[in-house]
Amino acid sequence: MKARKPSVMKTSISRVLRRELLRIRRHPRYLIILTLGIVFMFVFFATMTHEGQPLKLPVAVVDMDGTYLSRRLCHEIDATPGVSVHAVYNNHTEARKAMQRGDIFAFYEIPQGTYNDLLQFRSPHFVLYVNSAYMLAGTLSYKQLATMGMMASGAVQREIYRKKGYKDDQIMGLIQPVEYDTRTIGNPWINYGNYLMTTLIPAVIAFIVLMHTSYLIARERQERTLRRWVRRAGGNTLYALIGKMLPYTCWYALLCLLANLIMFGFMGFPMEGSWLLMVLNSLLLVMASQCAGCFIAGCIPDAPLAMSVSAIYSAVSFSLSGFSFPVDSMPRIFYSAAWIYPIRHYYLNFCNIAIFGNGFGHCWRQFCSLLVFGVLLIAGAFMMQWQLKREDRAALPLPTDSPTGEPLTPETTV
């Protein structure tokens, strides 16, 4: 029996694949630098958020009362793990200047006569100032100080009710008639690293993949090796793109897999769903980003312009993905535009798989949406083929009828 010949597609892709592996071996610095960039981002965020959230944020207290009660409140604020009393001031002006210098993020102002007002059953007025220019630090400081203020108010009420002869169980019913229990789903430790790394690291990888893909195609144009590359694929631009992207697909998918193993395994981030679905989600993110990069580089022959468009497209994806600001609360035009970014579909699948533990039945729509980005790969290959044919037609010589073989001009035809 005769040996079965390999298909044209398999032969073309394998030729381009061998060519790209040889180019990687000759010039490995680009791939090494990008890989080190991803590793640096991962290590940076892992070390920055290893405590879960910022602790011992500097705050201050303006103590105008100077009594036992105010000093006790200062000690209780300093004992909380989230904030630390940086200084105790005697007037509002000093605390305001410290906040303007950036020394503190918030301060409590205890007015004069607070202790006497409590003894006479009058309600003193505490003021809390928060620097909201620093969103995370200001929010955490406000949360800690507001909680301490509520606890201090409850402690004062308890002492008052005790002096009136009430029992402790009666006092708790008067101070807090309704008890509530907070259940934090998906991140019970309120770990800021869990929120930041599981969403930002895949977004950074998608950004690098798209930019690298556009650069690879632009580099072929700059080095004038585009036609040689396409000839290796038998003149088929689709096979040329697939063969060129295949080694990078495997490499970036491996990096995503290692990142997931470290985050959900070693670092202990919650993973309620299937590991297989999460791996598939990461693989489709890499492939969809590559397809978008091929489309941009295929439609724009100018290499610097293609890189600029890729950078703008990737930068906007951080805002429209939904993990920094709810997409549903955005204007309608931005809500519709969010679906043209692969990271948006990845993030929805991440919530379904890792946080809620849903199966394939809740994720198949987003998986199909990521697969639809393959149409961009076909469109990019078509645009490259069209541009090559147009260049061939422009390079054809003009018809000649003169004996010398020179192109006809208006002077020679007269």
Protein backbone atom coordinates (compact mmCIF):
# COMPACT_ATOMS: atom_id res chain seq x y z
CA MET A 1 0.00 0.00 0.00
CA LYS A 2 1.19 3.50 -0.82
CA ALA A 3 2.01 5.82 2.04
CA ARG A 4 -0.60 8.42 2.64
CA LYS A 5 0.61 11.88 1.67
CA PRO A 6 0.25 14.61 4.29
CA SER A 7 -2.37 17.23 3.56
CA VAL A 8 -1.46 20.59 2.10
CA MET A 9 -2.57 22.38 5.28
CA LYS A 10 -0.45 20.17 7.53
CA THR A 11 2.60 20.54 5.28
CA SER A 12 2.25 24.31 4.97
CA ILE A 13 1.75 24.87 8.69
CA SER A 14 4.67 22.60 9.61
CA ARG A 15 6.98 24.49 7.24
CA VAL A 16 6.05 27.83 8.76
CA LEU A 17 6.31 26.34 12.26
CA ARG A 18 9.88 25.14 11.62
CA ARG A 19 10.77 28.53 10.19
CA GLU A 20 9.39 30.34 13.26
CA LEU A 21 11.16 28.02 15.70
CA LEU A 22 14.41 28.75 13.88
CA ARG A 23 13.76 32.48 14.13
CA ILE A 24 13.07 32.13 17.87
CA ARG A 25 16.34 30.26 18.32
CA ARG A 26 18.26 32.94 16.43
CA HIS A 27 16.58 35.87 18.17
CA PRO A 28 15.29 34.67 21.55
CA ARG A 29 15.62 38.02 23.30
CA TYR A 30 12.10 39.23 22.45
CA LEU A 31 10.39 36.20 23.93
CA ILE A 32 12.71 36.18 26.95
CA ILE A 33 12.08 39.86 27.70
CA LEU A 34 8.31 39.45 27.47
CA THR A 35 8.40 36.36 29.67
CA LEU A 36 10.52 38.17 32.26
CA GLY A 37 8.03 41.04 32.13
CA ILE A 38 5.16 38.71 32.98
CA VAL A 39 7.19 37.10 35.77
CA PHE A 40 8.10 40.51 37.16
CA MET A 41 4.45 41.61 37.19
CA PHE A 42 3.45 38.41 38.96
CA VAL A 43 6.17 38.68 41.60
CA PHE A 44 5.49 42.39 42.09
CA PHE A 45 1.79 41.97 42.83
CA ALA A 46 2.37 38.80 44.86
CA THR A 47 4.84 40.54 47.18
CA MET A 48 2.85 43.77 47.33
CA THR A 49 -0.36 42.03 48.42
CA HIS A 50 1.08 39.16 50.49
CA GLU A 51 -0.67 40.52 53.61
CA GLY A 52 -4.05 40.54 51.89
CA GLN A 53 -4.64 44.29 52.20
CA PRO A 54 -2.70 47.32 53.43
CA LEU A 55 -2.21 47.33 57.19
CA LYS A 56 -1.30 50.04 59.73
CA LEU A 57 -2.36 52.94 57.55
CA PRO A 58 -1.29 56.21 59.22
CA VAL A 59 -4.16 58.20 60.76
CA ALA A 60 -4.34 60.89 63.43
CA VAL A 61 -6.61 62.06 66.24
CA VAL A 62 -7.36 65.65 67.10
CA ASP A 63 -7.97 65.44 70.86
CA MET A 64 -9.50 68.70 72.05
CA ASP A 65 -11.05 67.04 75.09
CA GLY A 66 -7.94 65.57 76.76
CA THR A 67 -9.89 63.27 79.09
CA TYR A 68 -9.68 59.60 79.97
CA LEU A 69 -12.37 58.79 77.42
CA SER A 70 -10.58 60.46 74.51
CA ARG A 71 -7.23 58.86 75.40
CA ARG A 72 -8.89 55.46 75.62
CA LEU A 73 -10.44 55.97 72.18
CA CYS A 74 -6.98 56.80 70.78
CA HIS A 75 -5.54 53.55 72.21
CA GLU A 76 -8.42 51.51 70.77
CA ILE A 77 -7.94 53.04 67.31
CA ASP A 78 -4.21 52.30 67.46
CA ALA A 79 -4.91 48.69 68.46
CA THR A 80 -6.85 47.95 65.26
CA PRO A 81 -4.78 46.10 62.61
CA GLY A 82 -5.88 48.28 59.73
CA VAL A 83 -4.76 51.69 60.96
CA SER A 84 -2.10 53.17 63.23
CA VAL A 85 -2.29 56.46 65.11
CA HIS A 86 0.54 58.47 63.56
CA ALA A 87 0.11 61.48 65.84
CA VAL A 88 -2.28 63.15 68.27
CA TYR A 89 -2.84 66.84 67.54
CA ASN A 90 -4.35 69.58 69.65
CA ASN A 91 -6.07 71.52 66.86
CA HIS A 92 -7.62 71.01 63.46
CA THR A 93 -5.02 73.06 61.54
CA GLU A 94 -2.09 70.75 62.35
CA ALA A 95 -4.07 67.67 61.30
CA ARG A 96 -5.15 69.33 58.06
CA LYS A 97 -1.56 70.24 57.17
CA ALA A 98 -0.42 66.68 57.93
CA MET A 99 -3.09 65.34 55.58
CA GLN A 100 -2.08 67.81 52.87
CA ARG A 101 1.54 66.65 53.20
CA GLY A 102 0.44 63.04 52.80
CA ASP A 103 1.53 61.99 56.27
CA ILE A 104 -1.93 60.69 57.20
CA PHE A 105 -4.96 59.45 55.28
CA ALA A 106 -7.66 60.33 57.83
CA PHE A 107 -8.14 61.84 61.26
CA TYR A 108 -10.74 61.90 64.02
CA GLU A 109 -11.70 65.17 65.64
CA ILE A 110 -12.89 64.82 69.25
CA PRO A 111 -14.45 68.13 70.34
CA GLN A 112 -13.89 69.78 73.67
CA GLY A 113 -16.37 68.82 76.40
CA THR A 114 -17.12 65.37 75.02
CA TYR A 115 -16.81 63.62 78.38
CA ASN A 116 -19.02 66.18 80.14
CA ASP A 117 -21.67 65.89 77.42
CA LEU A 118 -21.80 62.12 77.93
CA LEU A 119 -22.18 62.52 81.70
CA GLN A 120 -25.08 64.91 81.15
CA PHE A 121 -26.69 62.57 78.57
CA ARG A 122 -26.01 64.90 75.63
CA SER A 123 -24.76 63.60 72.28
CA PRO A 124 -21.25 64.83 71.40
CA HIS A 125 -20.43 65.41 67.74
CA PHE A 126 -17.38 63.58 66.36
CA VAL A 127 -16.02 64.53 62.94
CA LEU A 128 -14.13 62.12 60.65
CA TYR A 129 -12.01 63.56 57.83
CA VAL A 130 -10.83 61.20 55.06
CA ASN A 131 -8.47 61.90 52.15
CA SER A 132 -10.36 60.26 49.26
CA ALA A 133 -7.70 61.22 46.73
CA TYR A 134 -6.07 57.90 47.67
CA MET A 135 -9.00 55.63 46.92
CA LEU A 136 -7.84 52.39 48.53
CA ALA A 137 -6.10 53.92 51.54
CA GLY A 138 -8.91 56.41 52.12
CA THR A 139 -11.63 53.75 51.87
CA LEU A 140 -9.88 51.36 54.25
CA SER A 141 -9.13 54.15 56.73
CA TYR A 142 -12.73 55.30 56.65
CA LYS A 143 -13.98 51.75 57.19
CA GLN A 144 -11.73 51.18 60.22
CA LEU A 145 -12.39 54.54 61.85
CA ALA A 146 -16.13 54.41 61.20
CA THR A 147 -16.29 50.96 62.76
CA MET A 148 -14.38 52.19 65.81
CA GLY A 149 -16.74 55.13 66.11
CA MET A 150 -19.76 52.84 66.12
CA MET A 151 -18.13 50.57 68.70
CA ALA A 152 -17.23 53.54 70.91
CA SER A 153 -20.81 54.80 70.69
CA GLY A 154 -22.08 51.36 71.66
CA ALA A 155 -19.67 51.17 74.61
CA VAL A 156 -20.83 54.54 75.91
CA GLN A 157 -24.48 53.52 75.60
CA ARG A 158 -23.74 50.29 77.44
CA GLU A 159 -22.21 52.13 80.38
CA ILE A 160 -25.16 54.50 80.53
CA TYR A 161 -27.67 51.65 80.54
CA ARG A 162 -25.69 49.83 83.22
CA LYS A 163 -25.90 52.87 85.49
CA LYS A 164 -29.64 52.91 84.92
CA GLY A 165 -29.87 49.31 86.21
CA TYR A 166 -30.35 47.35 82.99
CA LYS A 167 -28.90 43.84 82.61
CA ASP A 168 -26.38 43.01 79.87
CA ASP A 169 -28.81 40.95 77.78
CA GLN A 170 -31.32 43.82 77.91
CA ILE A 171 -28.62 46.32 77.02
CA MET A 172 -27.58 44.39 73.87
CA GLY A 173 -31.21 44.33 72.73
CA LEU A 174 -31.41 48.10 73.13
CA ILE A 175 -28.07 48.92 71.52
CA GLN A 176 -28.36 46.46 68.61
CA PRO A 177 -31.95 45.31 68.22
CA VAL A 178 -31.17 43.55 64.91
CA GLU A 179 -28.05 41.42 64.44
CA TYR A 180 -26.66 40.77 61.00
CA ASP A 181 -24.00 38.44 59.68
CA THR A 182 -21.85 39.37 56.70
CA ARG A 183 -20.97 36.57 54.25
CA THR A 184 -18.27 37.58 51.76
CA ILE A 185 -18.68 35.31 48.73
CA GLY A 186 -15.61 34.42 46.69
CA ASN A 187 -13.17 36.31 48.89
CA PRO A 188 -14.03 35.65 52.55
CA TRP A 189 -10.68 36.99 53.79
CA ILE A 190 -11.22 40.30 51.92
CA ASN A 191 -7.84 39.65 50.37
CA TYR A 192 -6.95 42.45 47.97
CA GLY A 193 -4.39 40.23 46.24
CA ASN A 194 -7.10 37.72 45.41
CA TYR A 195 -9.09 40.39 43.61
CA LEU A 196 -6.09 42.06 41.98
CA MET A 197 -3.97 39.14 40.78
CA THR A 198 -6.69 36.84 39.47
CA THR A 199 -7.95 39.58 37.15
CA LEU A 200 -4.97 41.81 36.40
CA ILE A 201 -2.40 39.10 35.61
CA PRO A 202 -4.53 37.52 32.82
CA ALA A 203 -5.25 41.02 31.49
CA VAL A 204 -1.53 41.80 31.36
CA ILE A 205 -0.83 38.50 29.59
CA ALA A 206 -3.58 39.23 27.04
CA PHE A 207 -2.09 42.72 26.51
CA ILE A 208 1.40 41.31 25.92
CA VAL A 209 0.09 38.56 23.62
CA LEU A 210 -1.77 41.02 21.40
CA MET A 211 1.14 43.46 21.21
CA HIS A 212 3.62 40.66 20.52
CA THR A 213 1.43 39.24 17.76
CA SER A 214 1.18 42.62 16.04
CA TYR A 215 4.92 43.08 16.38
CA LEU A 216 5.71 39.70 14.84
CA ILE A 217 3.72 40.49 11.70
CA ALA A 218 5.01 44.07 11.55
CA ARG A 219 8.55 42.73 11.85
CA GLU A 220 8.02 40.58 8.75
CA ARG A 221 7.01 43.72 6.85
CA GLN A 222 9.96 45.74 8.14
CA GLU A 223 12.49 43.04 7.28
CA ARG A 224 10.84 42.55 3.85
CA THR A 225 10.40 38.83 4.52
CA LEU A 226 6.60 38.80 4.32
CA ARG A 227 6.45 37.17 0.88
CA ARG A 228 9.08 34.60 1.83
CA TRP A 229 7.03 33.75 4.92
CA VAL A 230 3.82 33.36 2.91
CA ARG A 231 5.58 31.25 0.24
CA ARG A 232 6.58 28.81 2.99
CA ALA A 233 2.85 28.27 3.54
CA GLY A 234 2.19 27.65 -0.15
CA GLY A 235 0.88 31.15 -0.68
CA ASN A 236 -1.91 30.71 1.88
CA THR A 237 -1.86 33.56 4.40
CA LEU A 238 -4.19 31.73 6.80
CA TYR A 239 -1.80 28.77 7.07
CA ALA A 240 1.09 31.23 7.43
CA LEU A 241 -0.56 32.96 10.39
CA ILE A 242 -1.49 29.68 12.10
CA GLY A 243 2.00 28.25 11.76
CA LYS A 244 3.62 31.47 12.98
CA MET A 245 1.35 31.86 16.04
CA LEU A 246 1.39 28.20 17.12
CA PRO A 247 4.63 28.20 19.20
CA TYR A 248 3.64 31.41 20.96
CA THR A 249 0.18 30.01 21.68
CA CYS A 250 1.73 27.05 23.47
CA TRP A 251 4.20 29.23 25.37
CA TYR A 252 1.71 31.82 26.62
CA ALA A 253 -0.85 29.14 27.46
CA LEU A 254 1.84 27.44 29.56
CA LEU A 255 2.51 30.72 31.38
CA CYS A 256 -1.22 31.10 32.11
CA LEU A 257 -1.32 27.54 33.42
CA LEU A 258 1.64 28.16 35.73
CA ALA A 259 0.08 31.40 36.96
CA ASN A 260 -3.19 29.59 37.77
CA LEU A 261 -1.32 26.81 39.56
CA ILE A 262 0.52 29.33 41.74
CA MET A 263 -2.52 31.51 42.47
CA PHE A 264 -5.11 28.80 43.08
CA GLY A 265 -2.70 26.20 44.41
CA PHE A 266 0.30 27.62 46.23
CA MET A 267 -1.23 30.98 47.22
CA GLY A 268 -4.56 29.41 48.16
CA PHE A 269 -6.93 31.64 46.21
CA PRO A 270 -10.43 30.11 46.14
CA MET A 271 -11.26 27.85 43.19
CA GLU A 272 -14.78 26.46 43.50
CA GLY A 273 -15.13 25.11 39.95
CA SER A 274 -13.30 22.86 37.53
CA TRP A 275 -9.60 23.25 36.86
CA LEU A 276 -10.13 21.96 33.33
CA LEU A 277 -12.59 24.76 32.55
CA MET A 278 -10.19 27.36 33.92
CA VAL A 279 -7.36 25.99 31.77
CA LEU A 280 -9.66 26.09 28.74
CA ASN A 281 -10.64 29.63 29.62
CA SER A 282 -6.98 30.73 29.73
CA LEU A 283 -6.15 28.95 26.45
CA LEU A 284 -9.06 30.61 24.64
CA LEU A 285 -8.00 34.00 26.03
CA VAL A 286 -4.53 33.61 24.53
CA MET A 287 -5.90 32.43 21.17
CA ALA A 288 -8.52 35.21 21.00
CA SER A 289 -5.86 37.84 21.76
CA GLN A 290 -3.67 36.45 19.01
CA CYS A 291 -6.56 36.53 16.54
CA ALA A 292 -7.23 40.18 17.40
CA GLY A 293 -3.55 40.99 16.91
CA CYS A 294 -3.49 39.22 13.52
CA PHE A 295 -6.55 41.17 12.41
CA ILE A 296 -5.08 44.54 13.37
CA ALA A 297 -1.69 43.82 11.81
CA GLY A 298 -3.32 42.30 8.73
CA CYS A 299 -5.58 45.30 8.10
CA ILE A 300 -2.94 47.97 8.74
CA PRO A 301 0.19 47.51 6.60
CA ASP A 302 1.99 50.41 8.32
CA ALA A 303 3.91 48.75 11.18
CA PRO A 304 4.09 51.73 13.63
CA LEU A 305 0.39 52.48 13.13
CA ALA A 306 -0.55 48.82 13.68
CA MET A 307 1.42 48.75 16.93
CA SER A 308 -0.23 51.98 18.09
CA VAL A 309 -3.74 50.69 17.35
CA SER A 310 -2.94 47.45 19.18
CA ALA A 311 -1.74 49.39 22.22
CA ILE A 312 -4.87 51.56 22.30
CA TYR A 313 -7.14 48.55 21.88
CA SER A 314 -5.39 46.67 24.69
CA ALA A 315 -5.26 49.63 27.07
CA VAL A 316 -9.01 50.25 26.83
CA SER A 317 -9.70 46.59 27.66
CA PHE A 318 -8.58 47.17 31.27
CA SER A 319 -11.48 49.57 31.79
CA LEU A 320 -14.11 47.74 29.75
CA SER A 321 -13.43 44.26 31.13
CA GLY A 322 -15.63 44.85 34.17
CA PHE A 323 -13.32 44.05 37.10
CA SER A 324 -12.49 47.69 37.87
CA PHE A 325 -15.92 49.25 37.21
CA PRO A 326 -19.27 47.49 36.55
CA VAL A 327 -19.97 47.37 32.83
CA ASP A 328 -23.71 47.48 33.46
CA SER A 329 -23.31 50.95 35.00
CA MET A 330 -21.46 52.32 31.98
CA PRO A 331 -23.17 54.20 29.11
CA ARG A 332 -24.82 51.99 26.54
CA ILE A 333 -22.13 52.52 23.92
CA PHE A 334 -19.37 51.34 26.27
CA TYR A 335 -21.49 48.44 27.46
CA SER A 336 -21.81 47.26 23.85
CA ALA A 337 -18.13 47.88 23.11
CA ALA A 338 -17.05 45.73 26.07
CA TRP A 339 -17.97 42.55 24.21
CA ILE A 340 -15.31 43.06 21.53
CA TYR A 341 -12.56 42.46 24.10
CA PRO A 342 -11.49 38.88 24.94
CA ILE A 343 -10.66 39.76 28.56
CA ARG A 344 -14.35 40.62 29.18
CA HIS A 345 -15.45 37.09 28.30
CA TYR A 346 -12.55 35.65 30.29
CA TYR A 347 -13.58 37.63 33.37
CA LEU A 348 -17.20 36.47 33.17
CA ASN A 349 -16.05 32.86 32.91
CA PHE A 350 -13.63 33.37 35.79
CA CYS A 351 -16.48 34.53 38.03
CA ASN A 352 -18.63 31.57 37.01
CA ILE A 353 -15.87 28.97 37.46
CA ALA A 354 -13.65 30.16 40.31
CA ILE A 355 -16.10 32.11 42.47
CA PHE A 356 -19.51 30.50 41.96
CA GLY A 357 -18.33 27.01 41.00
CA ASN A 358 -20.58 26.78 37.94
CA GLY A 359 -20.04 24.16 35.27
CA PHE A 360 -19.93 24.22 31.51
CA GLY A 361 -23.64 24.97 31.28
CA HIS A 362 -23.04 28.49 32.57
CA CYS A 363 -19.82 29.09 30.62
CA TRP A 364 -20.47 27.82 27.11
CA ARG A 365 -21.75 31.18 25.84
CA GLN A 366 -18.54 32.94 26.79
CA PHE A 367 -16.47 30.07 25.39
CA CYS A 368 -18.32 30.44 22.09
CA SER A 369 -17.73 34.18 22.18
CA LEU A 370 -13.99 33.62 22.56
CA LEU A 371 -14.09 31.17 19.66
CA VAL A 372 -15.83 33.76 17.50
CA PHE A 373 -12.61 35.80 17.64
CA GLY A 374 -11.25 33.18 15.22
CA VAL A 375 -13.18 35.04 12.53
CA LEU A 376 -10.72 37.90 13.02
CA LEU A 377 -7.87 35.53 12.16
CA ILE A 378 -9.57 34.62 8.88
CA ALA A 379 -10.32 38.29 8.16
CA GLY A 380 -6.72 39.25 8.89
CA ALA A 381 -5.43 36.53 6.54
CA PHE A 382 -7.83 37.71 3.83
CA MET A 383 -6.65 41.31 4.19
CA MET A 384 -3.00 40.24 3.98
CA GLN A 385 -3.74 38.22 0.83
CA TRP A 386 -5.56 41.18 -0.71
CA GLN A 387 -2.69 43.55 0.09
CA LEU A 388 -0.14 41.18 -1.45
CA LYS A 389 -2.20 40.90 -4.65
CA ARG A 390 -2.55 44.66 -4.84
CA GLU A 391 1.21 45.06 -4.47
CA ASP A 392 1.75 42.49 -7.23
CA ARG A 393 -0.56 44.39 -9.58
CA ALA A 394 1.20 47.65 -8.76
CA ALA A 395 4.59 46.06 -9.52
CA LEU A 396 3.57 44.85 -13.03
CA PRO A 397 5.29 46.78 -15.92
CA LEU A 398 3.18 49.00 -18.15
CA PRO A 399 2.33 47.64 -21.65
CA THR A 400 5.01 48.59 -24.23
CA ASP A 401 4.52 49.08 -27.97
CA SER A 402 7.68 51.05 -28.76
CA PRO A 403 10.57 49.31 -30.52
CA THR A 404 12.91 50.07 -27.66
CA GLY A 405 10.63 48.39 -25.15
CA GLU A 406 10.14 51.57 -23.13
CA PRO A 407 6.73 52.26 -21.56
CA LEU A 408 4.43 54.39 -23.63
CA THR A 409 4.17 58.00 -22.57
CA PRO A 410 2.05 60.83 -23.90
CA GLU A 411 5.06 62.20 -25.80
CA THR A 412 5.70 58.91 -27.60
CA THR A 413 2.07 58.39 -28.59
CA VAL A 414 1.68 61.78 -30.26
